[in-house]
ModelCIF file with pLDDT and N, C-alpha, C, O atoms, coordinates in Angstrom:
data_MODEL
#
_entry.id   MODEL 
#
_entity.id                         1 
_entity.type                       polymer 
_entity.pdbx_number_of_molecules   1 
#
_entity_poly.entity_id                      1 
_entity_poly.type                           'polypeptide(L)' 
_entity_poly.nstd_linkage                   no 
_entity_poly.nstd_monomer                   no 
_entity_poly.pdbx_seq_one_letter_code       YTDTAEIIRATLRKLDGMDEAAAPPYLRGYLQAIRQTSLG 
_entity_poly.pdbx_seq_one_letter_code_can   YTDTAEIIRATLRKLDGMDEAAAPPYLRGYLQAIRQTSLG 
_entity_poly.pdbx_strand_id                 A 
#
loop_
_entity_poly_seq.entity_id 
_entity_poly_seq.num 
_entity_poly_seq.mon_id 
_entity_poly_seq.hetero 
1 1  TYR n 
1 2  THR n 
1 3  ASP n 
1 4  THR n 
1 5  ALA n 
1 6  GLU n 
1 7  ILE n 
1 8  ILE n 
1 9  ARG n 
1 10 ALA n 
1 11 THR n 
1 12 LEU n 
1 13 ARG n 
1 14 LYS n 
1 15 LEU n 
1 16 ASP n 
1 17 GLY n 
1 18 MET n 
1 19 ASP n 
1 20 GLU n 
1 21 ALA n 
1 22 ALA n 
1 23 ALA n 
1 24 PRO n 
1 25 PRO n 
1 26 TYR n 
1 27 LEU n 
1 28 ARG n 
1 29 GLY n 
1 30 TYR n 
1 31 LEU n 
1 32 GLN n 
1 33 ALA n 
1 34 ILE n 
1 35 ARG n 
1 36 GLN n 
1 37 THR n 
1 38 SER n 
1 39 LEU n 
1 40 GLY n 
#
_struct_asym.id          A 
_struct_asym.entity_id   1 
#
loop_
_ma_qa_metric.id 
_ma_qa_metric.mode 
_ma_qa_metric.name 
_ma_qa_metric.software_group_id 
_ma_qa_metric.type 
1 global pLDDT . pLDDT 
2 local  pLDDT . pLDDT 
#
_ma_qa_metric_global.metric_id      1 
_ma_qa_metric_global.metric_value   95.22 
_ma_qa_metric_global.model_id       1 
_ma_qa_metric_global.ordinal_id     1 
#
loop_
_ma_qa_metric_local.label_asym_id 
_ma_qa_metric_local.label_comp_id 
_ma_qa_metric_local.label_seq_id 
_ma_qa_metric_local.metric_id 
_ma_qa_metric_local.metric_value 
_ma_qa_metric_local.model_id 
_ma_qa_metric_local.ordinal_id 
A TYR 1  2 95.00 1 1  
A THR 2  2 93.00 1 2  
A ASP 3  2 95.00 1 3  
A THR 4  2 96.00 1 4  
A ALA 5  2 95.00 1 5  
A GLU 6  2 96.00 1 6  
A ILE 7  2 97.00 1 7  
A ILE 8  2 97.00 1 8  
A ARG 9  2 97.00 1 9  
A ALA 10 2 97.00 1 10 
A THR 11 2 97.00 1 11 
A LEU 12 2 97.00 1 12 
A ARG 13 2 97.00 1 13 
A LYS 14 2 96.00 1 14 
A LEU 15 2 96.00 1 15 
A ASP 16 2 96.00 1 16 
A GLY 17 2 95.00 1 17 
A MET 18 2 95.00 1 18 
A ASP 19 2 93.00 1 19 
A GLU 20 2 92.00 1 20 
A ALA 21 2 92.00 1 21 
A ALA 22 2 91.00 1 22 
A ALA 23 2 93.00 1 23 
A PRO 24 2 93.00 1 24 
A PRO 25 2 92.00 1 25 
A TYR 26 2 92.00 1 26 
A LEU 27 2 95.00 1 27 
A ARG 28 2 95.00 1 28 
A GLY 29 2 96.00 1 29 
A TYR 30 2 96.00 1 30 
A LEU 31 2 97.00 1 31 
A GLN 32 2 97.00 1 32 
A ALA 33 2 97.00 1 33 
A ILE 34 2 97.00 1 34 
A ARG 35 2 97.00 1 35 
A GLN 36 2 97.00 1 36 
A THR 37 2 97.00 1 37 
A SER 38 2 96.00 1 38 
A LEU 39 2 95.00 1 39 
A GLY 40 2 92.00 1 40 
#
loop_
_atom_site.group_PDB 
_atom_site.id 
_atom_site.type_symbol 
_atom_site.label_atom_id 
_atom_site.label_alt_id 
_atom_site.label_comp_id 
_atom_site.label_asym_id 
_atom_site.label_entity_id 
_atom_site.label_seq_id 
_atom_site.pdbx_PDB_ins_code 
_atom_site.Cartn_x 
_atom_site.Cartn_y 
_atom_site.Cartn_z 
_atom_site.occupancy 
_atom_site.B_iso_or_equiv 
_atom_site.pdbx_formal_charge 
_atom_site.auth_seq_id 
_atom_site.auth_comp_id 
_atom_site.auth_asym_id 
_atom_site.auth_atom_id 
_atom_site.pdbx_PDB_model_num 
ATOM 1   N N  . TYR A 1 1  ? -86.838  107.637 261.184 1.00 95.00 ? 1  TYR A N  1 
ATOM 2   C CA . TYR A 1 1  ? -86.929  108.028 259.777 1.00 95.00 ? 1  TYR A CA 1 
ATOM 3   C C  . TYR A 1 1  ? -87.596  109.403 259.723 1.00 95.00 ? 1  TYR A C  1 
ATOM 4   O O  . TYR A 1 1  ? -88.557  109.661 260.447 1.00 95.00 ? 1  TYR A O  1 
ATOM 5   N N  . THR A 1 2  ? -87.093  110.260 258.883 1.00 93.00 ? 2  THR A N  1 
ATOM 6   C CA . THR A 1 2  ? -87.662  111.607 258.750 1.00 93.00 ? 2  THR A CA 1 
ATOM 7   C C  . THR A 1 2  ? -88.222  111.831 257.347 1.00 93.00 ? 2  THR A C  1 
ATOM 8   O O  . THR A 1 2  ? -88.267  112.963 256.865 1.00 93.00 ? 2  THR A O  1 
ATOM 9   N N  . ASP A 1 3  ? -88.643  110.763 256.703 1.00 95.00 ? 3  ASP A N  1 
ATOM 10  C CA . ASP A 1 3  ? -89.120  110.838 255.319 1.00 95.00 ? 3  ASP A CA 1 
ATOM 11  C C  . ASP A 1 3  ? -90.421  111.629 255.208 1.00 95.00 ? 3  ASP A C  1 
ATOM 12  O O  . ASP A 1 3  ? -91.287  111.547 256.079 1.00 95.00 ? 3  ASP A O  1 
ATOM 13  N N  . THR A 1 4  ? -90.544  112.383 254.140 1.00 96.00 ? 4  THR A N  1 
ATOM 14  C CA . THR A 1 4  ? -91.784  113.100 253.857 1.00 96.00 ? 4  THR A CA 1 
ATOM 15  C C  . THR A 1 4  ? -92.838  112.119 253.376 1.00 96.00 ? 4  THR A C  1 
ATOM 16  O O  . THR A 1 4  ? -92.525  110.971 253.058 1.00 96.00 ? 4  THR A O  1 
ATOM 17  N N  . ALA A 1 5  ? -94.095  112.571 253.321 1.00 95.00 ? 5  ALA A N  1 
ATOM 18  C CA . ALA A 1 5  ? -95.191  111.716 252.848 1.00 95.00 ? 5  ALA A CA 1 
ATOM 19  C C  . ALA A 1 5  ? -94.905  111.220 251.435 1.00 95.00 ? 5  ALA A C  1 
ATOM 20  O O  . ALA A 1 5  ? -95.181  110.063 251.116 1.00 95.00 ? 5  ALA A O  1 
ATOM 21  N N  . GLU A 1 6  ? -94.355  112.086 250.591 1.00 96.00 ? 6  GLU A N  1 
ATOM 22  C CA . GLU A 1 6  ? -94.047  111.700 249.210 1.00 96.00 ? 6  GLU A CA 1 
ATOM 23  C C  . GLU A 1 6  ? -92.981  110.613 249.167 1.00 96.00 ? 6  GLU A C  1 
ATOM 24  O O  . GLU A 1 6  ? -93.085  109.668 248.384 1.00 96.00 ? 6  GLU A O  1 
ATOM 25  N N  . ILE A 1 7  ? -91.960  110.745 250.003 1.00 97.00 ? 7  ILE A N  1 
ATOM 26  C CA . ILE A 1 7  ? -90.892  109.734 250.035 1.00 97.00 ? 7  ILE A CA 1 
ATOM 27  C C  . ILE A 1 7  ? -91.421  108.421 250.601 1.00 97.00 ? 7  ILE A C  1 
ATOM 28  O O  . ILE A 1 7  ? -91.041  107.347 250.135 1.00 97.00 ? 7  ILE A O  1 
ATOM 29  N N  . ILE A 1 8  ? -92.292  108.500 251.602 1.00 97.00 ? 8  ILE A N  1 
ATOM 30  C CA . ILE A 1 8  ? -92.868  107.269 252.172 1.00 97.00 ? 8  ILE A CA 1 
ATOM 31  C C  . ILE A 1 8  ? -93.639  106.513 251.099 1.00 97.00 ? 8  ILE A C  1 
ATOM 32  O O  . ILE A 1 8  ? -93.497  105.296 250.973 1.00 97.00 ? 8  ILE A O  1 
ATOM 33  N N  . ARG A 1 9  ? -94.449  107.223 250.330 1.00 97.00 ? 9  ARG A N  1 
ATOM 34  C CA . ARG A 1 9  ? -95.213  106.560 249.266 1.00 97.00 ? 9  ARG A CA 1 
ATOM 35  C C  . ARG A 1 9  ? -94.271  105.933 248.234 1.00 97.00 ? 9  ARG A C  1 
ATOM 36  O O  . ARG A 1 9  ? -94.477  104.802 247.795 1.00 97.00 ? 9  ARG A O  1 
ATOM 37  N N  . ALA A 1 10 ? -93.246  106.680 247.859 1.00 97.00 ? 10 ALA A N  1 
ATOM 38  C CA . ALA A 1 10 ? -92.295  106.166 246.865 1.00 97.00 ? 10 ALA A CA 1 
ATOM 39  C C  . ALA A 1 10 ? -91.547  104.944 247.396 1.00 97.00 ? 10 ALA A C  1 
ATOM 40  O O  . ALA A 1 10 ? -91.291  103.995 246.655 1.00 97.00 ? 10 ALA A O  1 
ATOM 41  N N  . THR A 1 11 ? -91.199  104.974 248.679 1.00 97.00 ? 11 THR A N  1 
ATOM 42  C CA . THR A 1 11 ? -90.457  103.850 249.263 1.00 97.00 ? 11 THR A CA 1 
ATOM 43  C C  . THR A 1 11 ? -91.337  102.620 249.389 1.00 97.00 ? 11 THR A C  1 
ATOM 44  O O  . THR A 1 11 ? -90.875  101.503 249.158 1.00 97.00 ? 11 THR A O  1 
ATOM 45  N N  . LEU A 1 12 ? -92.602  102.812 249.753 1.00 97.00 ? 12 LEU A N  1 
ATOM 46  C CA . LEU A 1 12 ? -93.531  101.680 249.807 1.00 97.00 ? 12 LEU A CA 1 
ATOM 47  C C  . LEU A 1 12 ? -93.644  101.013 248.440 1.00 97.00 ? 12 LEU A C  1 
ATOM 48  O O  . LEU A 1 12 ? -93.763  99.792  248.343 1.00 97.00 ? 12 LEU A O  1 
ATOM 49  N N  . ARG A 1 13 ? -93.608  101.817 247.399 1.00 97.00 ? 13 ARG A N  1 
ATOM 50  C CA . ARG A 1 13 ? -93.666  101.257 246.042 1.00 97.00 ? 13 ARG A CA 1 
ATOM 51  C C  . ARG A 1 13 ? -92.457  100.360 245.767 1.00 97.00 ? 13 ARG A C  1 
ATOM 52  O O  . ARG A 1 13 ? -92.566  99.364  245.051 1.00 97.00 ? 13 ARG A O  1 
ATOM 53  N N  . LYS A 1 14 ? -91.307  100.718 246.338 1.00 96.00 ? 14 LYS A N  1 
ATOM 54  C CA . LYS A 1 14 ? -90.097  99.916  246.126 1.00 96.00 ? 14 LYS A CA 1 
ATOM 55  C C  . LYS A 1 14 ? -90.227  98.526  246.749 1.00 96.00 ? 14 LYS A C  1 
ATOM 56  O O  . LYS A 1 14 ? -89.519  97.596  246.362 1.00 96.00 ? 14 LYS A O  1 
ATOM 57  N N  . LEU A 1 15 ? -91.141  98.391  247.719 1.00 96.00 ? 15 LEU A N  1 
ATOM 58  C CA . LEU A 1 15 ? -91.324  97.091  248.381 1.00 96.00 ? 15 LEU A CA 1 
ATOM 59  C C  . LEU A 1 15 ? -92.209  96.146  247.568 1.00 96.00 ? 15 LEU A C  1 
ATOM 60  O O  . LEU A 1 15 ? -92.355  94.975  247.919 1.00 96.00 ? 15 LEU A O  1 
ATOM 61  N N  . ASP A 1 16 ? -92.794  96.649  246.492 1.00 96.00 ? 16 ASP A N  1 
ATOM 62  C CA . ASP A 1 16 ? -93.692  95.842  245.668 1.00 96.00 ? 16 ASP A CA 1 
ATOM 63  C C  . ASP A 1 16 ? -92.992  94.571  245.194 1.00 96.00 ? 16 ASP A C  1 
ATOM 64  O O  . ASP A 1 16 ? -92.035  94.635  244.423 1.00 96.00 ? 16 ASP A O  1 
ATOM 65  N N  . GLY A 1 17 ? -93.476  93.410  245.660 1.00 95.00 ? 17 GLY A N  1 
ATOM 66  C CA . GLY A 1 17 ? -92.935  92.133  245.216 1.00 95.00 ? 17 GLY A CA 1 
ATOM 67  C C  . GLY A 1 17 ? -91.605  91.750  245.834 1.00 95.00 ? 17 GLY A C  1 
ATOM 68  O O  . GLY A 1 17 ? -91.036  90.723  245.465 1.00 95.00 ? 17 GLY A O  1 
ATOM 69  N N  . MET A 1 18 ? -91.089  92.548  246.767 1.00 95.00 ? 18 MET A N  1 
ATOM 70  C CA . MET A 1 18 ? -89.763  92.271  247.333 1.00 95.00 ? 18 MET A CA 1 
ATOM 71  C C  . MET A 1 18 ? -89.852  91.308  248.509 1.00 95.00 ? 18 MET A C  1 
ATOM 72  O O  . MET A 1 18 ? -90.596  91.547  249.461 1.00 95.00 ? 18 MET A O  1 
ATOM 73  N N  . ASP A 1 19 ? -89.090  90.215  248.441 1.00 93.00 ? 19 ASP A N  1 
ATOM 74  C CA . ASP A 1 19 ? -89.036  89.284  249.559 1.00 93.00 ? 19 ASP A CA 1 
ATOM 75  C C  . ASP A 1 19 ? -88.370  89.953  250.757 1.00 93.00 ? 19 ASP A C  1 
ATOM 76  O O  . ASP A 1 19 ? -87.462  90.769  250.602 1.00 93.00 ? 19 ASP A O  1 
ATOM 77  N N  . GLU A 1 20 ? -88.825  89.602  251.935 1.00 92.00 ? 20 GLU A N  1 
ATOM 78  C CA . GLU A 1 20 ? -88.304  90.223  253.154 1.00 92.00 ? 20 GLU A CA 1 
ATOM 79  C C  . GLU A 1 20 ? -86.803  90.035  253.285 1.00 92.00 ? 20 GLU A C  1 
ATOM 80  O O  . GLU A 1 20 ? -86.093  90.962  253.674 1.00 92.00 ? 20 GLU A O  1 
ATOM 81  N N  . ALA A 1 21 ? -86.313  88.844  252.963 1.00 92.00 ? 21 ALA A N  1 
ATOM 82  C CA . ALA A 1 21 ? -84.884  88.550  253.131 1.00 92.00 ? 21 ALA A CA 1 
ATOM 83  C C  . ALA A 1 21 ? -84.018  89.340  252.154 1.00 92.00 ? 21 ALA A C  1 
ATOM 84  O O  . ALA A 1 21 ? -82.827  89.542  252.391 1.00 92.00 ? 21 ALA A O  1 
ATOM 85  N N  . ALA A 1 22 ? -84.628  89.786  251.051 1.00 91.00 ? 22 ALA A N  1 
ATOM 86  C CA . ALA A 1 22 ? -83.852  90.489  250.029 1.00 91.00 ? 22 ALA A CA 1 
ATOM 87  C C  . ALA A 1 22 ? -83.813  91.992  250.249 1.00 91.00 ? 22 ALA A C  1 
ATOM 88  O O  . ALA A 1 22 ? -83.138  92.701  249.503 1.00 91.00 ? 22 ALA A O  1 
ATOM 89  N N  . ALA A 1 23 ? -84.512  92.488  251.244 1.00 93.00 ? 23 ALA A N  1 
ATOM 90  C CA . ALA A 1 23 ? -84.601  93.934  251.452 1.00 93.00 ? 23 ALA A CA 1 
ATOM 91  C C  . ALA A 1 23 ? -83.276  94.497  251.967 1.00 93.00 ? 23 ALA A C  1 
ATOM 92  O O  . ALA A 1 23 ? -82.706  93.944  252.908 1.00 93.00 ? 23 ALA A O  1 
ATOM 93  N N  . PRO A 1 24 ? -82.768  95.592  251.367 1.00 93.00 ? 24 PRO A N  1 
ATOM 94  C CA . PRO A 1 24 ? -81.554  96.231  251.878 1.00 93.00 ? 24 PRO A CA 1 
ATOM 95  C C  . PRO A 1 24 ? -81.838  96.893  253.230 1.00 93.00 ? 24 PRO A C  1 
ATOM 96  O O  . PRO A 1 24 ? -82.999  97.075  253.596 1.00 93.00 ? 24 PRO A O  1 
ATOM 97  N N  . PRO A 1 25 ? -80.796  97.250  253.963 1.00 92.00 ? 25 PRO A N  1 
ATOM 98  C CA . PRO A 1 25 ? -80.982  97.772  255.331 1.00 92.00 ? 25 PRO A CA 1 
ATOM 99  C C  . PRO A 1 25 ? -81.994  98.905  255.449 1.00 92.00 ? 25 PRO A C  1 
ATOM 100 O O  . PRO A 1 25 ? -82.813  98.901  256.367 1.00 92.00 ? 25 PRO A O  1 
ATOM 101 N N  . TYR A 1 26 ? -81.953  99.878  254.535 1.00 92.00 ? 26 TYR A N  1 
ATOM 102 C CA . TYR A 1 26 ? -82.872  101.013 254.636 1.00 92.00 ? 26 TYR A CA 1 
ATOM 103 C C  . TYR A 1 26 ? -84.318  100.556 254.561 1.00 92.00 ? 26 TYR A C  1 
ATOM 104 O O  . TYR A 1 26 ? -85.163  101.056 255.302 1.00 92.00 ? 26 TYR A O  1 
ATOM 105 N N  . LEU A 1 27 ? -84.613  99.614  253.678 1.00 95.00 ? 27 LEU A N  1 
ATOM 106 C CA . LEU A 1 27 ? -85.982  99.143  253.507 1.00 95.00 ? 27 LEU A CA 1 
ATOM 107 C C  . LEU A 1 27 ? -86.410  98.207  254.636 1.00 95.00 ? 27 LEU A C  1 
ATOM 108 O O  . LEU A 1 27 ? -87.606  98.043  254.880 1.00 95.00 ? 27 LEU A O  1 
ATOM 109 N N  . ARG A 1 28 ? -85.466  97.602  255.316 1.00 95.00 ? 28 ARG A N  1 
ATOM 110 C CA . ARG A 1 28 ? -85.834  96.730  256.441 1.00 95.00 ? 28 ARG A CA 1 
ATOM 111 C C  . ARG A 1 28 ? -86.505  97.525  257.546 1.00 95.00 ? 28 ARG A C  1 
ATOM 112 O O  . ARG A 1 28 ? -87.367  97.004  258.254 1.00 95.00 ? 28 ARG A O  1 
ATOM 113 N N  . GLY A 1 29 ? -86.117  98.775  257.698 1.00 96.00 ? 29 GLY A N  1 
ATOM 114 C CA . GLY A 1 29 ? -86.788  99.646  258.663 1.00 96.00 ? 29 GLY A CA 1 
ATOM 115 C C  . GLY A 1 29 ? -88.247  99.834  258.294 1.00 96.00 ? 29 GLY A C  1 
ATOM 116 O O  . GLY A 1 29 ? -89.109  99.888  259.170 1.00 96.00 ? 29 GLY A O  1 
ATOM 117 N N  . TYR A 1 30 ? -88.527  99.934  257.008 1.00 96.00 ? 30 TYR A N  1 
ATOM 118 C CA . TYR A 1 30 ? -89.906  100.049 256.541 1.00 96.00 ? 30 TYR A CA 1 
ATOM 119 C C  . TYR A 1 30 ? -90.683  98.764  256.839 1.00 96.00 ? 30 TYR A C  1 
ATOM 120 O O  . TYR A 1 30 ? -91.844  98.814  257.245 1.00 96.00 ? 30 TYR A O  1 
ATOM 121 N N  . LEU A 1 31 ? -90.047  97.635  256.639 1.00 97.00 ? 31 LEU A N  1 
ATOM 122 C CA . LEU A 1 31 ? -90.714  96.365  256.949 1.00 97.00 ? 31 LEU A CA 1 
ATOM 123 C C  . LEU A 1 31 ? -91.029  96.280  258.439 1.00 97.00 ? 31 LEU A C  1 
ATOM 124 O O  . LEU A 1 31 ? -92.089  95.796  258.836 1.00 97.00 ? 31 LEU A O  1 
ATOM 125 N N  . GLN A 1 32 ? -90.101  96.752  259.249 1.00 97.00 ? 32 GLN A N  1 
ATOM 126 C CA . GLN A 1 32 ? -90.328  96.757  260.703 1.00 97.00 ? 32 GLN A CA 1 
ATOM 127 C C  . GLN A 1 32 ? -91.494  97.677  261.059 1.00 97.00 ? 32 GLN A C  1 
ATOM 128 O O  . GLN A 1 32 ? -92.320  97.332  261.903 1.00 97.00 ? 32 GLN A O  1 
ATOM 129 N N  . ALA A 1 33 ? -91.565  98.844  260.421 1.00 97.00 ? 33 ALA A N  1 
ATOM 130 C CA . ALA A 1 33 ? -92.654  99.783  260.680 1.00 97.00 ? 33 ALA A CA 1 
ATOM 131 C C  . ALA A 1 33 ? -94.002  99.195  260.247 1.00 97.00 ? 33 ALA A C  1 
ATOM 132 O O  . ALA A 1 33 ? -95.019  99.394  260.911 1.00 97.00 ? 33 ALA A O  1 
ATOM 133 N N  . ILE A 1 34 ? -93.991  98.475  259.137 1.00 97.00 ? 34 ILE A N  1 
ATOM 134 C CA . ILE A 1 34 ? -95.224  97.826  258.666 1.00 97.00 ? 34 ILE A CA 1 
ATOM 135 C C  . ILE A 1 34 ? -95.720  96.828  259.697 1.00 97.00 ? 34 ILE A C  1 
ATOM 136 O O  . ILE A 1 34 ? -96.920  96.738  259.952 1.00 97.00 ? 34 ILE A O  1 
ATOM 137 N N  . ARG A 1 35 ? -94.811  96.089  260.282 1.00 97.00 ? 35 ARG A N  1 
ATOM 138 C CA . ARG A 1 35 ? -95.215  95.080  261.276 1.00 97.00 ? 35 ARG A CA 1 
ATOM 139 C C  . ARG A 1 35 ? -95.783  95.726  262.544 1.00 97.00 ? 35 ARG A C  1 
ATOM 140 O O  . ARG A 1 35 ? -96.504  95.078  263.303 1.00 97.00 ? 35 ARG A O  1 
ATOM 141 N N  . GLN A 1 36 ? -95.463  96.987  262.770 1.00 97.00 ? 36 GLN A N  1 
ATOM 142 C CA . GLN A 1 36 ? -95.932  97.680  263.968 1.00 97.00 ? 36 GLN A CA 1 
ATOM 143 C C  . GLN A 1 36 ? -97.163  98.552  263.709 1.00 97.00 ? 36 GLN A C  1 
ATOM 144 O O  . GLN A 1 36 ? -97.695  99.165  264.635 1.00 97.00 ? 36 GLN A O  1 
ATOM 145 N N  . THR A 1 37 ? -97.616  98.610  262.450 1.00 97.00 ? 37 THR A N  1 
ATOM 146 C CA . THR A 1 37 ? -98.716  99.487  262.065 1.00 97.00 ? 37 THR A CA 1 
ATOM 147 C C  . THR A 1 37 ? -100.023 98.716  261.977 1.00 97.00 ? 37 THR A C  1 
ATOM 148 O O  . THR A 1 37 ? -100.054 97.586  261.489 1.00 97.00 ? 37 THR A O  1 
ATOM 149 N N  . SER A 1 38 ? -101.095 99.326  262.448 1.00 96.00 ? 38 SER A N  1 
ATOM 150 C CA . SER A 1 38 ? -102.411 98.685  262.396 1.00 96.00 ? 38 SER A CA 1 
ATOM 151 C C  . SER A 1 38 ? -102.814 98.402  260.957 1.00 96.00 ? 38 SER A C  1 
ATOM 152 O O  . SER A 1 38 ? -102.557 99.204  260.059 1.00 96.00 ? 38 SER A O  1 
ATOM 153 N N  . LEU A 1 39 ? -103.445 97.257  260.751 1.00 95.00 ? 39 LEU A N  1 
ATOM 154 C CA . LEU A 1 39 ? -103.929 96.885  259.420 1.00 95.00 ? 39 LEU A CA 1 
ATOM 155 C C  . LEU A 1 39 ? -105.344 97.392  259.161 1.00 95.00 ? 39 LEU A C  1 
ATOM 156 O O  . LEU A 1 39 ? -105.936 97.065  258.132 1.00 95.00 ? 39 LEU A O  1 
ATOM 157 N N  . GLY A 1 40 ? -105.880 98.166  260.057 1.00 92.00 ? 40 GLY A N  1 
ATOM 158 C CA . GLY A 1 40 ? -107.222 98.707  259.871 1.00 92.00 ? 40 GLY A CA 1 
ATOM 159 C C  . GLY A 1 40 ? -107.769 99.221  261.183 1.00 92.00 ? 40 GLY A C  1 
ATOM 160 O O  . GLY A 1 40 ? -108.894 99.718  261.230 1.00 92.00 ? 40 GLY A O  1 
#
């Protein structure tokens, strides 16, 4: 993904309340990245 910081923030907002199974292909990549990112 080559998204800018602004696009990343906007895309994360699109995940608000979205069930994992309902995510379209583009957003599934974001879900995968979330699973690989430290929580703190």
